[in-house]
Amino acid sequence: MAKAKSNISQANLANLDPELVEEAMKLNKGMTPEEVLNKALRHYIIGVKNKELLDMKGKIYWDGDLNEMRSNRSF
């Protein structure tokens, strides 16, 4: 995965709650603080995207026949 440049400085990272980082590292044995933060950010982003999908429930109209679509599949 390519590393993207951002405006996050070491000073910003120094403001992280050390107790949260330490607890996350205990729960993820062997991970560095950077790995723990990256994992947490990935999980956060996935959660937000999943919520966006769930918020769309009932807002999209689809007029189709799943049984017909399935019968046309070839495996």
PDB file of N, CA and C in Angstrom:
ATOM      1  N   MET A   1       0.844  -1.172   0.000  1.00  0.00           N
ATOM      2  CA  MET A   1       0.000   0.000   0.000  1.00  0.00           C
ATOM      3  C   MET A   1       0.888   1.233   0.000  1.00  0.00           C
ATOM      4  N   ALA A   2       0.621   2.166  -0.885  1.00  0.00           N
ATOM      5  CA  ALA A   2       1.420   3.385  -0.976  1.00  0.00           C
ATOM      6  C   ALA A   2       1.135   4.284   0.211  1.00  0.00           C
ATOM      7  N   LYS A   3       2.183   4.920   0.690  1.00  0.00           N
ATOM      8  CA  LYS A   3       2.015   5.830   1.813  1.00  0.00           C
ATOM      9  C   LYS A   3       1.665   7.209   1.284  1.00  0.00           C
ATOM     10  N   ALA A   4       0.543   7.729   1.739  1.00  0.00           N
ATOM     11  CA  ALA A   4       0.103   9.055   1.316  1.00  0.00           C
ATOM     12  C   ALA A   4       0.702  10.105   2.240  1.00  0.00           C
ATOM     13  N   LYS A   5       1.012  11.249   1.665  1.00  0.00           N
ATOM     14  CA  LYS A   5       1.526  12.345   2.474  1.00  0.00           C
ATOM     15  C   LYS A   5       0.354  13.058   3.119  1.00  0.00           C
ATOM     16  N   SER A   6       0.562  13.529   4.339  1.00  0.00           N
ATOM     17  CA  SER A   6      -0.485  14.271   5.022  1.00  0.00           C
ATOM     18  C   SER A   6       0.137  15.418   5.798  1.00  0.00           C
ATOM     19  N   ASN A   7      -0.712  16.201   6.416  1.00  0.00           N
ATOM     20  CA  ASN A   7      -0.257  17.336   7.197  1.00  0.00           C
ATOM     21  C   ASN A   7      -0.088  16.986   8.668  1.00  0.00           C
ATOM     22  N   ILE A   8      -0.089  15.714   8.998  1.00  0.00           N
ATOM     23  CA  ILE A   8       0.061  15.296  10.387  1.00  0.00           C
ATOM     24  C   ILE A   8       1.528  15.409  10.769  1.00  0.00           C
ATOM     25  N   SER A   9       1.767  16.125  11.833  1.00  0.00           N
ATOM     26  CA  SER A   9       3.147  16.298  12.289  1.00  0.00           C
ATOM     27  C   SER A   9       3.387  15.453  13.531  1.00  0.00           C
ATOM     28  N   GLN A  10       4.634  15.351  13.917  1.00  0.00           N
ATOM     29  CA  GLN A  10       4.984  14.622  15.138  1.00  0.00           C
ATOM     30  C   GLN A  10       4.296  15.264  16.337  1.00  0.00           C
ATOM     31  N   ALA A  11       4.135  16.584  16.308  1.00  0.00           N
ATOM     32  CA  ALA A  11       3.473  17.271  17.419  1.00  0.00           C
ATOM     33  C   ALA A  11       2.032  16.798  17.563  1.00  0.00           C
ATOM     34  N   ASN A  12       1.348  16.610  16.446  1.00  0.00           N
ATOM     35  CA  ASN A  12      -0.027  16.108  16.500  1.00  0.00           C
ATOM     36  C   ASN A  12      -0.054  14.713  17.112  1.00  0.00           C
ATOM     37  N   LEU A  13       0.860  13.867  16.693  1.00  0.00           N
ATOM     38  CA  LEU A  13       0.904  12.498  17.206  1.00  0.00           C
ATOM     39  C   LEU A  13       1.274  12.474  18.678  1.00  0.00           C
ATOM     40  N   ALA A  14       2.064  13.451  19.119  1.00  0.00           N
ATOM     41  CA  ALA A  14       2.456  13.517  20.527  1.00  0.00           C
ATOM     42  C   ALA A  14       1.259  13.825  21.413  1.00  0.00           C
ATOM     43  N   ASN A  15       0.186  14.346  20.840  1.00  0.00           N
ATOM     44  CA  ASN A  15      -1.014  14.678  21.608  1.00  0.00           C
ATOM     45  C   ASN A  15      -1.947  13.486  21.794  1.00  0.00           C
ATOM     46  N   LEU A  16      -1.588  12.332  21.255  1.00  0.00           N
ATOM     47  CA  LEU A  16      -2.404  11.136  21.450  1.00  0.00           C
ATOM     48  C   LEU A  16      -2.405  10.755  22.923  1.00  0.00           C
ATOM     49  N   ASP A  17      -3.521  10.214  23.374  1.00  0.00           N
ATOM     50  CA  ASP A  17      -3.634   9.768  24.761  1.00  0.00           C
ATOM     51  C   ASP A  17      -2.747   8.539  24.942  1.00  0.00           C
ATOM     52  N   PRO A  18      -1.673   8.656  25.726  1.00  0.00           N
ATOM     53  CA  PRO A  18      -0.746   7.526  25.870  1.00  0.00           C
ATOM     54  C   PRO A  18      -1.391   6.290  26.484  1.00  0.00           C
ATOM     55  N   GLU A  19      -2.396   6.488  27.342  1.00  0.00           N
ATOM     56  CA  GLU A  19      -3.070   5.334  27.943  1.00  0.00           C
ATOM     57  C   GLU A  19      -3.857   4.554  26.888  1.00  0.00           C
ATOM     58  N   LEU A  20      -4.481   5.285  25.960  1.00  0.00           N
ATOM     59  CA  LEU A  20      -5.214   4.610  24.883  1.00  0.00           C
ATOM     60  C   LEU A  20      -4.260   3.838  23.981  1.00  0.00           C
ATOM     61  N   VAL A  21      -3.142   4.466  23.646  1.00  0.00           N
ATOM     62  CA  VAL A  21      -2.150   3.805  22.788  1.00  0.00           C
ATOM     63  C   VAL A  21      -1.614   2.560  23.484  1.00  0.00           C
ATOM     64  N   GLU A  22      -1.303   2.682  24.770  1.00  0.00           N
ATOM     65  CA  GLU A  22      -0.758   1.544  25.522  1.00  0.00           C
ATOM     66  C   GLU A  22      -1.767   0.404  25.595  1.00  0.00           C
ATOM     67  N   GLU A  23      -3.029   0.732  25.880  1.00  0.00           N
ATOM     68  CA  GLU A  23      -4.049  -0.317  25.953  1.00  0.00           C
ATOM     69  C   GLU A  23      -4.242  -0.994  24.597  1.00  0.00           C
ATOM     70  N   ALA A  24      -4.255  -0.195  23.530  1.00  0.00           N
ATOM     71  CA  ALA A  24      -4.401  -0.759  22.187  1.00  0.00           C
ATOM     72  C   ALA A  24      -3.232  -1.674  21.859  1.00  0.00           C
ATOM     73  N   MET A  25      -2.035  -1.291  22.286  1.00  0.00           N
ATOM     74  CA  MET A  25      -0.859  -2.128  22.023  1.00  0.00           C
ATOM     75  C   MET A  25      -0.935  -3.429  22.816  1.00  0.00           C
ATOM     76  N   LYS A  26      -1.474  -3.386  24.035  1.00  0.00           N
ATOM     77  CA  LYS A  26      -1.633  -4.612  24.829  1.00  0.00           C
ATOM     78  C   LYS A  26      -2.620  -5.559  24.153  1.00  0.00           C
ATOM     79  N   LEU A  27      -3.685  -4.985  23.605  1.00  0.00           N
ATOM     80  CA  LEU A  27      -4.701  -5.803  22.942  1.00  0.00           C
ATOM     81  C   LEU A  27      -4.219  -6.348  21.603  1.00  0.00           C
ATOM     82  N   ASN A  28      -3.235  -5.707  21.031  1.00  0.00           N
ATOM     83  CA  ASN A  28      -2.675  -6.109  19.737  1.00  0.00           C
ATOM     84  C   ASN A  28      -1.199  -6.423  19.930  1.00  0.00           C
ATOM     85  N   LYS A  29      -0.943  -7.474  20.657  1.00  0.00           N
ATOM     86  CA  LYS A  29       0.430  -7.838  21.036  1.00  0.00           C
ATOM     87  C   LYS A  29       1.384  -7.813  19.847  1.00  0.00           C
ATOM     88  N   GLY A  30       2.509  -7.168  20.057  1.00  0.00           N
ATOM     89  CA  GLY A  30       3.542  -7.141  19.038  1.00  0.00           C
ATOM     90  C   GLY A  30       3.432  -5.993  18.056  1.00  0.00           C
ATOM     91  N   MET A  31       2.355  -5.223  18.127  1.00  0.00           N
ATOM     92  CA  MET A  31       2.203  -4.102  17.201  1.00  0.00           C
ATOM     93  C   MET A  31       2.890  -2.856  17.758  1.00  0.00           C
ATOM     94  N   THR A  32       3.435  -2.089  16.846  1.00  0.00           N
ATOM     95  CA  THR A  32       4.029  -0.811  17.215  1.00  0.00           C
ATOM     96  C   THR A  32       2.907   0.223  17.353  1.00  0.00           C
ATOM     97  N   PRO A  33       3.197   1.363  17.984  1.00  0.00           N
ATOM     98  CA  PRO A  33       2.168   2.407  18.066  1.00  0.00           C
ATOM     99  C   PRO A  33       1.657   2.818  16.682  1.00  0.00           C
ATOM    100  N   GLU A  34       2.546   2.895  15.713  1.00  0.00           N
ATOM    101  CA  GLU A  34       2.138   3.264  14.355  1.00  0.00           C
ATOM    102  C   GLU A  34       1.188   2.222  13.768  1.00  0.00           C
ATOM    103  N   GLU A  35       1.493   0.945  13.968  1.00  0.00           N
ATOM    104  CA  GLU A  35       0.630  -0.122  13.451  1.00  0.00           C
ATOM    105  C   GLU A  35      -0.741  -0.089  14.120  1.00  0.00           C
ATOM    106  N   VAL A  36      -0.743   0.155  15.435  1.00  0.00           N
ATOM    107  CA  VAL A  36      -2.005   0.225  16.172  1.00  0.00           C
ATOM    108  C   VAL A  36      -2.853   1.389  15.671  1.00  0.00           C
ATOM    109  N   LEU A  37      -2.220   2.541  15.465  1.00  0.00           N
ATOM    110  CA  LEU A  37      -2.951   3.709  14.980  1.00  0.00           C
ATOM    111  C   LEU A  37      -3.494   3.461  13.571  1.00  0.00           C
ATOM    112  N   ASN A  38      -2.683   2.871  12.707  1.00  0.00           N
ATOM    113  CA  ASN A  38      -3.143   2.564  11.349  1.00  0.00           C
ATOM    114  C   ASN A  38      -4.323   1.597  11.373  1.00  0.00           C
ATOM    115  N   LYS A  39      -4.240   0.580  12.229  1.00  0.00           N
ATOM    116  CA  LYS A  39      -5.331  -0.390  12.340  1.00  0.00           C
ATOM    117  C   LYS A  39      -6.599   0.295  12.844  1.00  0.00           C
ATOM    118  N   ALA A  40      -6.448   1.153  13.849  1.00  0.00           N
ATOM    119  CA  ALA A  40      -7.603   1.866  14.402  1.00  0.00           C
ATOM    120  C   ALA A  40      -8.249   2.761  13.350  1.00  0.00           C
ATOM    121  N   LEU A  41      -7.423   3.448  12.577  1.00  0.00           N
ATOM    122  CA  LEU A  41      -7.958   4.323  11.530  1.00  0.00           C
ATOM    123  C   LEU A  41      -8.685   3.517  10.458  1.00  0.00           C
ATOM    124  N   ARG A  42      -8.117   2.355  10.080  1.00  0.00           N
ATOM    125  CA  ARG A  42      -8.783   1.498   9.088  1.00  0.00           C
ATOM    126  C   ARG A  42     -10.164   1.066   9.588  1.00  0.00           C
ATOM    127  N   HIS A  43     -10.205   0.626  10.859  1.00  0.00           N
ATOM    128  CA  HIS A  43     -11.477   0.183  11.431  1.00  0.00           C
ATOM    129  C   HIS A  43     -12.476   1.336  11.521  1.00  0.00           C
ATOM    130  N   TYR A  44     -12.007   2.511  11.868  1.00  0.00           N
ATOM    131  CA  TYR A  44     -12.881   3.687  11.940  1.00  0.00           C
ATOM    132  C   TYR A  44     -13.470   4.003  10.565  1.00  0.00           C
ATOM    133  N   ILE A  45     -12.621   4.011   9.555  1.00  0.00           N
ATOM    134  CA  ILE A  45     -13.069   4.327   8.191  1.00  0.00           C
ATOM    135  C   ILE A  45     -14.077   3.295   7.705  1.00  0.00           C
ATOM    136  N   ILE A  46     -13.813   2.023   7.955  1.00  0.00           N
ATOM    137  CA  ILE A  46     -14.748   0.963   7.563  1.00  0.00           C
ATOM    138  C   ILE A  46     -16.090   1.164   8.260  1.00  0.00           C
ATOM    139  N   GLY A  47     -16.053   1.497   9.544  1.00  0.00           N
ATOM    140  CA  GLY A  47     -17.290   1.722  10.295  1.00  0.00           C
ATOM    141  C   GLY A  47     -18.108   2.872   9.734  1.00  0.00           C
ATOM    142  N   VAL A  48     -17.441   3.973   9.409  1.00  0.00           N
ATOM    143  CA  VAL A  48     -18.143   5.132   8.842  1.00  0.00           C
ATOM    144  C   VAL A  48     -18.749   4.770   7.491  1.00  0.00           C
ATOM    145  N   LYS A  49     -17.987   4.072   6.646  1.00  0.00           N
ATOM    146  CA  LYS A  49     -18.507   3.686   5.331  1.00  0.00           C
ATOM    147  C   LYS A  49     -19.682   2.721   5.462  1.00  0.00           C
ATOM    148  N   ASN A  50     -19.600   1.784   6.413  1.00  0.00           N
ATOM    149  CA  ASN A  50     -20.709   0.856   6.629  1.00  0.00           C
ATOM    150  C   ASN A  50     -21.958   1.600   7.081  1.00  0.00           C
ATOM    151  N   LYS A  51     -21.783   2.592   7.960  1.00  0.00           N
ATOM    152  CA  LYS A  51     -22.927   3.382   8.416  1.00  0.00           C
ATOM    153  C   LYS A  51     -23.553   4.135   7.250  1.00  0.00           C
ATOM    154  N   GLU A  52     -22.716   4.680   6.372  1.00  0.00           N
ATOM    155  CA  GLU A  52     -23.240   5.381   5.197  1.00  0.00           C
ATOM    156  C   GLU A  52     -24.086   4.436   4.343  1.00  0.00           C
ATOM    157  N   LEU A  53     -23.622   3.197   4.187  1.00  0.00           N
ATOM    158  CA  LEU A  53     -24.399   2.214   3.415  1.00  0.00           C
ATOM    159  C   LEU A  53     -25.716   1.895   4.110  1.00  0.00           C
ATOM    160  N   LEU A  54     -25.659   1.706   5.433  1.00  0.00           N
ATOM    161  CA  LEU A  54     -26.880   1.400   6.177  1.00  0.00           C
ATOM    162  C   LEU A  54     -27.869   2.555   6.126  1.00  0.00           C
ATOM    163  N   ASP A  55     -27.366   3.778   6.124  1.00  0.00           N
ATOM    164  CA  ASP A  55     -28.241   4.950   6.045  1.00  0.00           C
ATOM    165  C   ASP A  55     -28.981   5.016   4.712  1.00  0.00           C
ATOM    166  N   MET A  56     -28.465   4.342   3.692  1.00  0.00           N
ATOM    167  CA  MET A  56     -29.107   4.338   2.374  1.00  0.00           C
ATOM    168  C   MET A  56     -30.254   3.328   2.304  1.00  0.00           C
ATOM    169  N   LYS A  57     -30.376   2.478   3.325  1.00  0.00           N
ATOM    170  CA  LYS A  57     -31.408   1.441   3.317  1.00  0.00           C
ATOM    171  C   LYS A  57     -32.788   2.069   3.113  1.00  0.00           C
ATOM    172  N   GLY A  58     -33.506   1.545   2.153  1.00  0.00           N
ATOM    173  CA  GLY A  58     -34.848   2.015   1.863  1.00  0.00           C
ATOM    174  C   GLY A  58     -34.902   3.254   0.989  1.00  0.00           C
ATOM    175  N   LYS A  59     -33.762   3.784   0.599  1.00  0.00           N
ATOM    176  CA  LYS A  59     -33.728   5.008  -0.200  1.00  0.00           C
ATOM    177  C   LYS A  59     -33.427   4.741  -1.669  1.00  0.00           C
ATOM    178  N   ILE A  60     -33.100   3.501  -1.992  1.00  0.00           N
ATOM    179  CA  ILE A  60     -32.771   3.153  -3.370  1.00  0.00           C
ATOM    180  C   ILE A  60     -33.842   2.197  -3.884  1.00  0.00           C
ATOM    181  N   TYR A  61     -34.441   2.550  -5.003  1.00  0.00           N
ATOM    182  CA  TYR A  61     -35.468   1.707  -5.595  1.00  0.00           C
ATOM    183  C   TYR A  61     -34.834   0.824  -6.660  1.00  0.00           C
ATOM    184  N   TRP A  62     -35.148  -0.442  -6.599  1.00  0.00           N
ATOM    185  CA  TRP A  62     -34.653  -1.383  -7.595  1.00  0.00           C
ATOM    186  C   TRP A  62     -35.823  -2.214  -8.071  1.00  0.00           C
ATOM    187  N   ASP A  63     -35.994  -2.288  -9.374  1.00  0.00           N
ATOM    188  CA  ASP A  63     -37.079  -3.061  -9.962  1.00  0.00           C
ATOM    189  C   ASP A  63     -36.449  -4.182 -10.773  1.00  0.00           C
ATOM    190  N   GLY A  64     -36.331  -5.323 -10.153  1.00  0.00           N
ATOM    191  CA  GLY A  64     -35.717  -6.447 -10.835  1.00  0.00           C
ATOM    192  C   GLY A  64     -36.210  -7.757 -10.260  1.00  0.00           C
ATOM    193  N   ASP A  65     -35.760  -8.834 -10.829  1.00  0.00           N
ATOM    194  CA  ASP A  65     -36.159 -10.167 -10.395  1.00  0.00           C
ATOM    195  C   ASP A  65     -34.897 -10.967 -10.097  1.00  0.00           C
ATOM    196  N   LEU A  66     -34.605 -11.153  -8.811  1.00  0.00           N
ATOM    197  CA  LEU A  66     -33.397 -11.877  -8.431  1.00  0.00           C
ATOM    198  C   LEU A  66     -33.407 -13.314  -8.939  1.00  0.00           C
ATOM    199  N   ASN A  67     -34.564 -13.962  -8.883  1.00  0.00           N
ATOM    200  CA  ASN A  67     -34.631 -15.348  -9.363  1.00  0.00           C
ATOM    201  C   ASN A  67     -34.279 -15.436 -10.844  1.00  0.00           C
ATOM    202  N   GLU A  68     -34.764 -14.486 -11.621  1.00  0.00           N
ATOM    203  CA  GLU A  68     -34.446 -14.470 -13.050  1.00  0.00           C
ATOM    204  C   GLU A  68     -32.951 -14.213 -13.258  1.00  0.00           C
ATOM    205  N   MET A  69     -32.410 -13.283 -12.511  1.00  0.00           N
ATOM    206  CA  MET A  69     -30.982 -12.983 -12.643  1.00  0.00           C
ATOM    207  C   MET A  69     -30.136 -14.204 -12.280  1.00  0.00           C
ATOM    208  N   ARG A  70     -30.550 -14.896 -11.225  1.00  0.00           N
ATOM    209  CA  ARG A  70     -29.795 -16.076 -10.787  1.00  0.00           C
ATOM    210  C   ARG A  70     -29.881 -17.206 -11.813  1.00  0.00           C
ATOM    211  N   SER A  71     -31.017 -17.343 -12.458  1.00  0.00           N
ATOM    212  CA  SER A  71     -31.175 -18.436 -13.427  1.00  0.00           C
ATOM    213  C   SER A  71     -30.350 -18.194 -14.685  1.00  0.00           C
ATOM    214  N   ASN A  72     -29.968 -16.958 -14.934  1.00  0.00           N
ATOM    215  CA  ASN A  72     -29.170 -16.632 -16.118  1.00  0.00           C
ATOM    216  C   ASN A  72     -27.667 -16.753 -15.872  1.00  0.00           C
ATOM    217  N   ARG A  73     -27.287 -17.058 -14.637  1.00  0.00           N
ATOM    218  CA  ARG A  73     -25.853 -17.178 -14.333  1.00  0.00           C
ATOM    219  C   ARG A  73     -25.313 -18.512 -14.829  1.00  0.00           C
ATOM    220  N   SER A  74     -24.086 -18.479 -15.288  1.00  0.00           N
ATOM    221  CA  SER A  74     -23.429 -19.734 -15.661  1.00  0.00           C
ATOM    222  C   SER A  74     -22.147 -19.856 -14.845  1.00  0.00           C
ATOM    223  N   PHE A  75     -21.969 -21.019 -14.250  1.00  0.00           N
ATOM    224  CA  PHE A  75     -20.781 -21.268 -13.415  1.00  0.00           C
ATOM    225  C   PHE A  75     -19.913 -22.312 -14.038  1.00  0.00           C
TER     226      PHE A  75
END
